[in-house]
N, C-alpha and C. Protein backbone atom coordinates (compact mmCIF):
# COMPACT_ATOMS: atom_id res chain seq x y z
N MET A 1 0.84 -1.15 0.00
CA MET A 1 0.00 0.00 0.00
C MET A 1 0.89 1.22 0.00
N ARG A 2 0.56 2.05 -0.80
CA ARG A 2 1.37 3.24 -0.98
C ARG A 2 0.68 4.42 -0.33
N TYR A 3 1.41 5.18 0.42
CA TYR A 3 0.86 6.39 1.06
C TYR A 3 1.41 7.62 0.36
N THR A 4 0.54 8.50 0.11
CA THR A 4 0.95 9.74 -0.52
C THR A 4 0.74 10.85 0.49
N ASN A 5 1.75 11.65 0.59
CA ASN A 5 1.61 12.81 1.50
C ASN A 5 0.91 13.94 0.76
N PHE A 6 -0.15 14.31 1.34
CA PHE A 6 -0.85 15.48 0.81
C PHE A 6 -0.52 16.66 1.69
N VAL A 7 -0.11 17.67 1.06
CA VAL A 7 0.20 18.88 1.81
C VAL A 7 -0.99 19.82 1.67
N MET A 8 -1.54 20.10 2.77
CA MET A 8 -2.65 21.05 2.75
C MET A 8 -2.11 22.44 3.03
N THR A 9 -2.42 23.29 2.17
CA THR A 9 -2.01 24.67 2.43
C THR A 9 -3.26 25.49 2.70
N THR A 10 -3.17 26.25 3.67
CA THR A 10 -4.27 27.17 3.98
C THR A 10 -3.70 28.57 3.97
N GLN A 11 -4.44 29.38 3.33
CA GLN A 11 -4.01 30.76 3.28
C GLN A 11 -4.71 31.49 4.41
N ILE A 12 -3.94 32.05 5.25
CA ILE A 12 -4.51 32.78 6.38
C ILE A 12 -4.56 34.25 5.99
N THR A 13 -5.76 34.73 5.95
CA THR A 13 -5.90 36.16 5.67
C THR A 13 -6.13 36.87 6.98
N GLU A 14 -5.43 37.91 7.09
CA GLU A 14 -5.52 38.67 8.33
C GLU A 14 -6.78 39.52 8.30
N ILE A 15 -7.56 39.39 9.30
CA ILE A 15 -8.78 40.19 9.41
C ILE A 15 -8.37 41.54 9.99
N PRO A 16 -8.67 42.58 9.23
CA PRO A 16 -8.27 43.89 9.73
C PRO A 16 -8.98 44.22 11.04
N ALA A 17 -8.24 44.78 11.92
CA ALA A 17 -8.83 45.19 13.19
C ALA A 17 -9.85 46.28 12.91
N THR A 18 -11.00 46.14 13.46
CA THR A 18 -12.01 47.17 13.23
C THR A 18 -11.69 48.38 14.08
N LYS A 19 -11.83 49.49 13.42
CA LYS A 19 -11.58 50.74 14.13
C LYS A 19 -12.89 51.21 14.73
N PRO A 20 -12.82 51.74 15.89
CA PRO A 20 -14.07 52.27 16.47
C PRO A 20 -14.55 53.46 15.64
N ILE A 21 -15.84 53.56 15.54
CA ILE A 21 -16.43 54.68 14.81
C ILE A 21 -16.28 55.93 15.66
N PRO A 22 -15.69 56.97 15.07
CA PRO A 22 -15.57 58.21 15.84
C PRO A 22 -16.97 58.71 16.23
N GLN A 23 -17.10 59.12 17.43
CA GLN A 23 -18.40 59.56 17.90
C GLN A 23 -18.42 61.06 18.13
N VAL A 24 -19.58 61.62 17.89
CA VAL A 24 -19.77 63.04 18.11
C VAL A 24 -19.88 63.26 19.62
N ALA A 25 -19.32 64.34 20.07
CA ALA A 25 -19.36 64.66 21.50
C ALA A 25 -20.81 64.78 21.97
N LYS A 26 -21.07 64.24 23.13
CA LYS A 26 -22.43 64.28 23.71
C LYS A 26 -22.92 65.72 23.84
N GLU A 27 -22.01 66.59 24.18
CA GLU A 27 -22.36 68.00 24.33
C GLU A 27 -22.98 68.53 23.03
N LEU A 28 -22.40 68.14 21.90
CA LEU A 28 -22.94 68.59 20.61
C LEU A 28 -24.28 67.92 20.31
N LEU A 29 -24.40 66.66 20.64
CA LEU A 29 -25.66 65.95 20.40
C LEU A 29 -26.80 66.51 21.24
N ASN A 30 -26.47 67.21 22.30
CA ASN A 30 -27.49 67.84 23.14
C ASN A 30 -27.91 69.21 22.61
N SER A 31 -27.30 69.63 21.51
CA SER A 31 -27.60 70.94 20.93
C SER A 31 -28.52 70.81 19.72
N ASN A 32 -29.72 71.39 19.82
CA ASN A 32 -30.64 71.38 18.68
C ASN A 32 -30.04 72.07 17.48
N GLY A 33 -29.34 73.16 17.71
CA GLY A 33 -28.71 73.89 16.61
C GLY A 33 -27.69 73.04 15.87
N PHE A 34 -26.87 72.33 16.64
CA PHE A 34 -25.87 71.46 16.02
C PHE A 34 -26.56 70.38 15.18
N LEU A 35 -27.56 69.73 15.75
CA LEU A 35 -28.26 68.67 15.03
C LEU A 35 -28.94 69.19 13.77
N LEU A 36 -29.58 70.34 13.88
CA LEU A 36 -30.26 70.94 12.74
C LEU A 36 -29.26 71.26 11.63
N ALA A 37 -28.12 71.84 12.02
CA ALA A 37 -27.10 72.17 11.02
C ALA A 37 -26.52 70.90 10.39
N ARG A 38 -26.21 69.93 11.20
CA ARG A 38 -25.61 68.68 10.69
C ARG A 38 -26.56 67.96 9.73
N LEU A 39 -27.83 67.85 10.12
CA LEU A 39 -28.81 67.20 9.26
C LEU A 39 -29.07 68.02 8.00
N GLY A 40 -29.12 69.34 8.15
CA GLY A 40 -29.34 70.21 7.00
C GLY A 40 -28.23 70.09 5.98
N LEU A 41 -26.99 70.07 6.45
CA LEU A 41 -25.86 69.94 5.54
C LEU A 41 -25.86 68.58 4.84
N ALA A 42 -26.21 67.53 5.59
CA ALA A 42 -26.26 66.19 4.99
C ALA A 42 -27.36 66.12 3.93
N PHE A 43 -28.52 66.69 4.22
CA PHE A 43 -29.61 66.69 3.25
C PHE A 43 -29.22 67.51 2.02
N LYS A 44 -28.63 68.66 2.25
CA LYS A 44 -28.22 69.53 1.14
C LYS A 44 -27.21 68.82 0.25
N SER A 45 -26.27 68.13 0.85
CA SER A 45 -25.27 67.40 0.09
C SER A 45 -25.91 66.36 -0.82
N ARG A 46 -26.85 65.60 -0.26
CA ARG A 46 -27.58 64.60 -1.07
C ARG A 46 -28.36 65.26 -2.20
N ALA A 47 -29.04 66.33 -1.85
CA ALA A 47 -29.87 67.01 -2.85
C ALA A 47 -29.02 67.59 -3.98
N LEU A 48 -27.92 68.23 -3.64
CA LEU A 48 -27.05 68.80 -4.66
C LEU A 48 -26.49 67.72 -5.58
N ALA A 49 -26.08 66.61 -5.01
CA ALA A 49 -25.54 65.52 -5.83
C ALA A 49 -26.61 64.98 -6.77
N ARG A 50 -27.81 64.82 -6.26
CA ARG A 50 -28.90 64.29 -7.09
C ARG A 50 -29.29 65.27 -8.20
N LEU A 51 -29.39 66.55 -7.84
CA LEU A 51 -29.74 67.57 -8.84
C LEU A 51 -28.69 67.65 -9.93
N GLU A 52 -27.43 67.63 -9.52
CA GLU A 52 -26.33 67.69 -10.49
C GLU A 52 -26.37 66.47 -11.42
N ALA A 53 -26.63 65.30 -10.86
CA ALA A 53 -26.70 64.08 -11.67
C ALA A 53 -27.83 64.16 -12.69
N GLU A 54 -28.88 64.90 -12.36
CA GLU A 54 -30.04 65.04 -13.26
C GLU A 54 -29.88 66.25 -14.20
N GLY A 55 -28.76 66.97 -14.07
CA GLY A 55 -28.50 68.10 -14.96
C GLY A 55 -29.11 69.42 -14.52
N PHE A 56 -29.39 69.55 -13.24
CA PHE A 56 -29.99 70.79 -12.73
C PHE A 56 -28.98 71.57 -11.92
N ASP A 57 -29.14 72.89 -11.92
CA ASP A 57 -28.41 73.79 -11.04
C ASP A 57 -29.18 73.80 -9.71
N PRO A 58 -28.48 73.97 -8.60
CA PRO A 58 -29.19 73.97 -7.31
C PRO A 58 -30.32 75.00 -7.22
N TYR A 59 -30.23 76.10 -7.93
CA TYR A 59 -31.26 77.13 -7.82
C TYR A 59 -32.38 76.97 -8.85
N ASP A 60 -32.27 76.04 -9.78
CA ASP A 60 -33.30 75.86 -10.80
C ASP A 60 -34.67 75.64 -10.17
N TYR A 61 -34.72 74.75 -9.18
CA TYR A 61 -35.99 74.41 -8.54
C TYR A 61 -36.60 75.66 -7.89
N SER A 62 -35.79 76.41 -7.16
CA SER A 62 -36.30 77.59 -6.46
C SER A 62 -36.88 78.61 -7.44
N VAL A 63 -36.15 78.88 -8.51
CA VAL A 63 -36.62 79.88 -9.48
C VAL A 63 -37.89 79.40 -10.18
N LEU A 64 -37.87 78.16 -10.65
CA LEU A 64 -39.04 77.65 -11.37
C LEU A 64 -40.27 77.57 -10.46
N ALA A 65 -40.08 77.16 -9.21
CA ALA A 65 -41.22 77.08 -8.28
C ALA A 65 -41.78 78.48 -8.00
N MET A 66 -40.90 79.45 -7.85
CA MET A 66 -41.36 80.83 -7.63
C MET A 66 -42.18 81.32 -8.81
N LEU A 67 -41.67 81.07 -10.00
CA LEU A 67 -42.36 81.54 -11.21
C LEU A 67 -43.67 80.81 -11.43
N ASP A 68 -43.74 79.56 -10.99
CA ASP A 68 -44.96 78.78 -11.17
C ASP A 68 -46.08 79.31 -10.28
N GLU A 69 -45.74 80.00 -9.20
CA GLU A 69 -46.76 80.54 -8.29
C GLU A 69 -47.34 81.86 -8.76
N GLY A 70 -46.67 82.52 -9.68
CA GLY A 70 -47.15 83.80 -10.18
C GLY A 70 -46.85 83.91 -11.66
N ALA A 71 -47.57 84.76 -12.34
CA ALA A 71 -47.40 84.87 -13.78
C ALA A 71 -46.01 85.37 -14.16
N HIS A 72 -45.56 86.44 -13.51
CA HIS A 72 -44.28 87.05 -13.84
C HIS A 72 -43.61 87.51 -12.55
N GLN A 73 -42.31 87.51 -12.56
CA GLN A 73 -41.56 88.04 -11.43
C GLN A 73 -40.44 88.91 -11.99
N ALA A 74 -40.19 90.03 -11.34
CA ALA A 74 -39.07 90.87 -11.72
C ALA A 74 -37.79 90.18 -11.27
N GLN A 75 -36.74 90.35 -12.05
CA GLN A 75 -35.45 89.74 -11.71
C GLN A 75 -35.01 90.14 -10.31
N ALA A 76 -35.17 91.39 -9.97
CA ALA A 76 -34.75 91.87 -8.65
C ALA A 76 -35.53 91.16 -7.53
N THR A 77 -36.80 90.89 -7.76
CA THR A 77 -37.62 90.19 -6.77
C THR A 77 -37.11 88.78 -6.54
N ILE A 78 -36.76 88.11 -7.62
CA ILE A 78 -36.23 86.74 -7.52
C ILE A 78 -34.91 86.76 -6.77
N ALA A 79 -34.04 87.69 -7.11
CA ALA A 79 -32.73 87.78 -6.45
C ALA A 79 -32.89 88.00 -4.95
N LYS A 80 -33.79 88.89 -4.56
CA LYS A 80 -34.01 89.14 -3.13
C LYS A 80 -34.58 87.92 -2.43
N ALA A 81 -35.55 87.28 -3.04
CA ALA A 81 -36.19 86.12 -2.41
C ALA A 81 -35.20 84.98 -2.20
N LEU A 82 -34.27 84.81 -3.12
CA LEU A 82 -33.30 83.72 -3.03
C LEU A 82 -31.98 84.15 -2.39
N ALA A 83 -31.90 85.42 -2.00
CA ALA A 83 -30.67 85.97 -1.43
C ALA A 83 -29.48 85.73 -2.36
N LEU A 84 -29.71 86.00 -3.63
CA LEU A 84 -28.68 85.82 -4.66
C LEU A 84 -28.17 87.17 -5.14
N ASP A 85 -26.89 87.24 -5.38
CA ASP A 85 -26.32 88.42 -6.01
C ASP A 85 -26.97 88.56 -7.39
N PRO A 86 -27.38 89.77 -7.78
CA PRO A 86 -28.04 89.94 -9.08
C PRO A 86 -27.23 89.41 -10.26
N SER A 87 -25.90 89.52 -10.21
CA SER A 87 -25.10 89.01 -11.33
C SER A 87 -25.16 87.48 -11.39
N ARG A 88 -25.24 86.85 -10.23
CA ARG A 88 -25.38 85.38 -10.19
C ARG A 88 -26.74 84.98 -10.73
N LEU A 89 -27.77 85.77 -10.40
CA LEU A 89 -29.11 85.49 -10.91
C LEU A 89 -29.14 85.62 -12.43
N VAL A 90 -28.50 86.63 -12.97
CA VAL A 90 -28.49 86.81 -14.43
C VAL A 90 -27.91 85.58 -15.11
N ALA A 91 -26.80 85.06 -14.59
CA ALA A 91 -26.19 83.85 -15.16
C ALA A 91 -27.15 82.66 -15.04
N LEU A 92 -27.83 82.55 -13.91
CA LEU A 92 -28.78 81.46 -13.71
C LEU A 92 -29.95 81.59 -14.70
N LEU A 93 -30.48 82.80 -14.84
CA LEU A 93 -31.59 83.00 -15.78
C LEU A 93 -31.14 82.78 -17.22
N ASP A 94 -29.91 83.16 -17.54
CA ASP A 94 -29.38 82.89 -18.88
C ASP A 94 -29.42 81.39 -19.16
N SER A 95 -28.99 80.59 -18.19
CA SER A 95 -28.98 79.14 -18.33
C SER A 95 -30.40 78.59 -18.49
N LEU A 96 -31.31 79.08 -17.66
CA LEU A 96 -32.70 78.63 -17.76
C LEU A 96 -33.33 79.02 -19.10
N GLU A 97 -32.99 80.22 -19.56
CA GLU A 97 -33.53 80.70 -20.84
C GLU A 97 -32.95 79.90 -22.01
N GLU A 98 -31.67 79.58 -21.96
CA GLU A 98 -31.04 78.77 -23.01
C GLU A 98 -31.70 77.40 -23.13
N ARG A 99 -32.20 76.89 -22.02
CA ARG A 99 -32.87 75.58 -22.01
C ARG A 99 -34.38 75.72 -22.21
N SER A 100 -34.82 76.92 -22.55
CA SER A 100 -36.24 77.21 -22.81
C SER A 100 -37.14 76.93 -21.61
N LEU A 101 -36.61 77.15 -20.41
CA LEU A 101 -37.39 76.92 -19.19
C LEU A 101 -38.05 78.20 -18.70
N VAL A 102 -37.47 79.34 -19.03
CA VAL A 102 -38.04 80.64 -18.67
C VAL A 102 -37.94 81.58 -19.86
N GLU A 103 -38.74 82.64 -19.79
CA GLU A 103 -38.67 83.73 -20.77
C GLU A 103 -38.48 85.02 -20.02
N ARG A 104 -37.64 85.90 -20.58
CA ARG A 104 -37.46 87.23 -20.00
C ARG A 104 -37.95 88.26 -21.02
N GLN A 105 -38.66 89.25 -20.49
CA GLN A 105 -39.15 90.34 -21.34
C GLN A 105 -39.02 91.65 -20.59
N ARG A 106 -38.89 92.71 -21.33
CA ARG A 106 -38.88 94.04 -20.70
C ARG A 106 -40.24 94.28 -20.08
N ASP A 107 -40.22 94.87 -18.91
CA ASP A 107 -41.45 95.24 -18.24
C ASP A 107 -42.08 96.41 -19.00
N PRO A 108 -43.30 96.26 -19.49
CA PRO A 108 -43.91 97.35 -20.26
C PRO A 108 -44.12 98.62 -19.44
N ASN A 109 -44.19 98.48 -18.10
CA ASN A 109 -44.40 99.65 -17.24
C ASN A 109 -43.09 100.32 -16.84
N ASP A 110 -41.99 99.59 -16.96
CA ASP A 110 -40.68 100.13 -16.59
C ASP A 110 -39.63 99.45 -17.46
N ARG A 111 -39.23 100.12 -18.52
CA ARG A 111 -38.33 99.53 -19.52
C ARG A 111 -36.96 99.16 -18.95
N ARG A 112 -36.62 99.64 -17.75
CA ARG A 112 -35.34 99.28 -17.14
C ARG A 112 -35.37 97.89 -16.52
N ARG A 113 -36.57 97.38 -16.28
CA ARG A 113 -36.71 96.09 -15.60
C ARG A 113 -37.03 94.97 -16.59
N HIS A 114 -36.63 93.77 -16.21
CA HIS A 114 -37.03 92.57 -16.94
C HIS A 114 -37.97 91.75 -16.05
N VAL A 115 -38.99 91.20 -16.65
CA VAL A 115 -39.85 90.27 -15.93
C VAL A 115 -39.60 88.88 -16.50
N VAL A 116 -39.70 87.92 -15.63
CA VAL A 116 -39.39 86.54 -15.99
C VAL A 116 -40.64 85.70 -15.80
N SER A 117 -40.88 84.79 -16.71
CA SER A 117 -42.01 83.86 -16.58
C SER A 117 -41.55 82.46 -16.95
N ILE A 118 -42.26 81.48 -16.42
CA ILE A 118 -41.95 80.08 -16.69
C ILE A 118 -42.60 79.67 -18.01
N THR A 119 -41.94 78.81 -18.75
CA THR A 119 -42.49 78.31 -20.01
C THR A 119 -43.15 76.94 -19.77
N THR A 120 -43.80 76.43 -20.78
CA THR A 120 -44.40 75.11 -20.69
C THR A 120 -43.31 74.06 -20.45
N THR A 121 -42.18 74.20 -21.12
CA THR A 121 -41.05 73.29 -20.90
C THR A 121 -40.56 73.42 -19.46
N GLY A 122 -40.52 74.65 -18.95
CA GLY A 122 -40.12 74.88 -17.56
C GLY A 122 -41.07 74.21 -16.59
N GLU A 123 -42.36 74.23 -16.89
CA GLU A 123 -43.34 73.57 -16.03
C GLU A 123 -43.11 72.06 -16.00
N ARG A 124 -42.77 71.48 -17.16
CA ARG A 124 -42.48 70.03 -17.19
C ARG A 124 -41.23 69.70 -16.39
N ARG A 125 -40.19 70.51 -16.53
CA ARG A 125 -38.96 70.28 -15.77
C ARG A 125 -39.21 70.50 -14.28
N LEU A 126 -40.05 71.45 -13.93
CA LEU A 126 -40.40 71.69 -12.54
C LEU A 126 -41.09 70.45 -11.96
N ALA A 127 -41.93 69.81 -12.73
CA ALA A 127 -42.59 68.58 -12.27
C ALA A 127 -41.53 67.51 -11.97
N GLU A 128 -40.49 67.42 -12.80
CA GLU A 128 -39.39 66.48 -12.54
C GLU A 128 -38.66 66.84 -11.25
N LEU A 129 -38.41 68.12 -11.05
CA LEU A 129 -37.74 68.57 -9.84
C LEU A 129 -38.58 68.27 -8.60
N ARG A 130 -39.88 68.44 -8.71
CA ARG A 130 -40.76 68.12 -7.58
C ARG A 130 -40.70 66.63 -7.25
N ASP A 131 -40.64 65.80 -8.28
CA ASP A 131 -40.52 64.35 -8.05
C ASP A 131 -39.21 64.03 -7.33
N ILE A 132 -38.13 64.66 -7.75
CA ILE A 132 -36.83 64.44 -7.12
C ILE A 132 -36.89 64.88 -5.65
N ALA A 133 -37.48 66.05 -5.41
CA ALA A 133 -37.59 66.56 -4.03
C ALA A 133 -38.39 65.60 -3.17
N ARG A 134 -39.51 65.09 -3.69
CA ARG A 134 -40.33 64.13 -2.93
C ARG A 134 -39.53 62.87 -2.61
N GLU A 135 -38.80 62.36 -3.60
CA GLU A 135 -37.99 61.16 -3.39
C GLU A 135 -36.92 61.39 -2.33
N LEU A 136 -36.24 62.53 -2.41
CA LEU A 136 -35.20 62.84 -1.43
C LEU A 136 -35.78 62.94 -0.03
N GLU A 137 -36.91 63.63 0.10
CA GLU A 137 -37.53 63.76 1.42
C GLU A 137 -37.99 62.41 1.94
N GLU A 138 -38.55 61.60 1.06
CA GLU A 138 -39.02 60.28 1.47
C GLU A 138 -37.85 59.43 1.97
N GLU A 139 -36.74 59.46 1.26
CA GLU A 139 -35.54 58.71 1.67
C GLU A 139 -35.00 59.23 3.00
N TYR A 140 -34.87 60.53 3.10
CA TYR A 140 -34.22 61.12 4.26
C TYR A 140 -35.05 61.01 5.53
N PHE A 141 -36.36 61.20 5.38
CA PHE A 141 -37.23 61.18 6.56
C PHE A 141 -37.92 59.84 6.77
N GLU A 142 -37.44 58.81 6.11
CA GLU A 142 -38.00 57.47 6.19
C GLU A 142 -38.18 56.96 7.62
N PRO A 143 -37.26 57.25 8.55
CA PRO A 143 -37.46 56.74 9.91
C PRO A 143 -38.64 57.35 10.66
N LEU A 144 -39.21 58.43 10.14
CA LEU A 144 -40.29 59.12 10.84
C LEU A 144 -41.65 58.75 10.26
N ASP A 145 -42.63 58.56 11.12
CA ASP A 145 -43.99 58.30 10.63
C ASP A 145 -44.62 59.62 10.18
N ALA A 146 -45.77 59.52 9.54
CA ALA A 146 -46.43 60.70 8.97
C ALA A 146 -46.74 61.77 10.02
N LYS A 147 -47.20 61.35 11.18
CA LYS A 147 -47.55 62.31 12.24
C LYS A 147 -46.30 63.07 12.71
N THR A 148 -45.20 62.36 12.88
CA THR A 148 -43.96 62.99 13.32
C THR A 148 -43.41 63.92 12.25
N ARG A 149 -43.51 63.52 10.99
CA ARG A 149 -43.05 64.38 9.88
C ARG A 149 -43.84 65.69 9.86
N LYS A 150 -45.15 65.57 10.05
CA LYS A 150 -46.00 66.77 10.05
C LYS A 150 -45.62 67.69 11.21
N ALA A 151 -45.40 67.11 12.38
CA ALA A 151 -45.02 67.91 13.56
C ALA A 151 -43.66 68.57 13.32
N LEU A 152 -42.72 67.84 12.76
CA LEU A 152 -41.41 68.41 12.46
C LEU A 152 -41.55 69.57 11.47
N HIS A 153 -42.36 69.37 10.44
CA HIS A 153 -42.55 70.44 9.46
C HIS A 153 -43.15 71.68 10.10
N GLU A 154 -44.10 71.51 10.97
CA GLU A 154 -44.73 72.66 11.64
C GLU A 154 -43.71 73.41 12.50
N ILE A 155 -42.86 72.69 13.19
CA ILE A 155 -41.83 73.31 14.02
C ILE A 155 -40.83 74.06 13.15
N LEU A 156 -40.37 73.42 12.07
CA LEU A 156 -39.40 74.06 11.18
C LEU A 156 -40.00 75.29 10.50
N LEU A 157 -41.26 75.20 10.10
CA LEU A 157 -41.93 76.35 9.48
C LEU A 157 -42.05 77.50 10.47
N GLN A 158 -42.38 77.18 11.70
CA GLN A 158 -42.48 78.23 12.73
C GLN A 158 -41.13 78.92 12.91
N LEU A 159 -40.06 78.16 12.98
CA LEU A 159 -38.72 78.74 13.12
C LEU A 159 -38.34 79.56 11.88
N ALA A 160 -38.63 79.02 10.70
CA ALA A 160 -38.29 79.73 9.46
C ALA A 160 -39.04 81.06 9.38
N CYS A 161 -40.33 81.04 9.72
CA CYS A 161 -41.12 82.26 9.67
C CYS A 161 -40.64 83.30 10.68
N HIS A 162 -40.19 82.84 11.82
CA HIS A 162 -39.69 83.75 12.84
C HIS A 162 -38.36 84.39 12.45
N HIS A 163 -37.49 83.62 11.83
CA HIS A 163 -36.14 84.09 11.57
C HIS A 163 -35.90 84.59 10.15
N ASP A 164 -36.82 84.30 9.22
CA ASP A 164 -36.61 84.71 7.83
C ASP A 164 -37.90 85.29 7.29
N PRO A 165 -37.96 86.61 7.14
CA PRO A 165 -39.19 87.25 6.69
C PRO A 165 -39.64 86.78 5.30
N ARG A 166 -38.73 86.21 4.52
CA ARG A 166 -39.12 85.70 3.19
C ARG A 166 -40.01 84.47 3.32
N CYS A 167 -39.98 83.80 4.45
CA CYS A 167 -40.84 82.64 4.69
C CYS A 167 -42.14 83.02 5.38
N ALA A 168 -42.12 84.09 6.16
CA ALA A 168 -43.25 84.44 7.03
C ALA A 168 -44.53 84.69 6.27
N PHE A 169 -44.47 85.32 5.12
CA PHE A 169 -45.70 85.64 4.41
C PHE A 169 -46.41 84.40 3.89
N ARG A 170 -45.73 83.26 3.85
CA ARG A 170 -46.32 82.02 3.36
C ARG A 170 -46.88 81.15 4.46
N GLN A 171 -46.79 81.61 5.70
CA GLN A 171 -47.18 80.79 6.84
C GLN A 171 -48.62 80.29 6.71
N ASP A 172 -49.52 81.12 6.18
CA ASP A 172 -50.92 80.74 6.09
C ASP A 172 -51.19 79.67 5.04
N THR A 173 -50.23 79.38 4.15
CA THR A 173 -50.45 78.40 3.09
C THR A 173 -49.84 77.05 3.42
N ALA A 174 -49.30 76.90 4.60
CA ALA A 174 -48.61 75.64 4.95
C ALA A 174 -49.57 74.50 5.15
């Protein structure tokens, strides 16, 4: 009887030591302001990445939604509402106009001003932006039930209206 030596080789892979997850200081977690800022930045980061992937500028949604609520808006009104430098707004409107999402015309009552309106194409793109916004909110607020989401919205709206007069006039439509 013949015996054959079989050599078994086993490759030992080193399991990397797990590093502890850095934790936020408890003092910061006890701060509503810190939590609001941290969550806001995280949501904004997700939203910007998603909008960019879909070919939108971060301000496209704001401008189109504003225009959808009224027939025409003066450029200066849009700039003030969005806290945008007028030159930045002009570049943004140029981009929207090139994509046939808005139209600009001289104000017949004041030839120095331009009024901006949303186009039919702009309305369709706005519907896409609204879908993206709903998806993002659904993903981000998934851990909260409907009642808690509503309560959170009411609290945030109250704070926004108190601290930002651009939000206060809309309080009755919430």
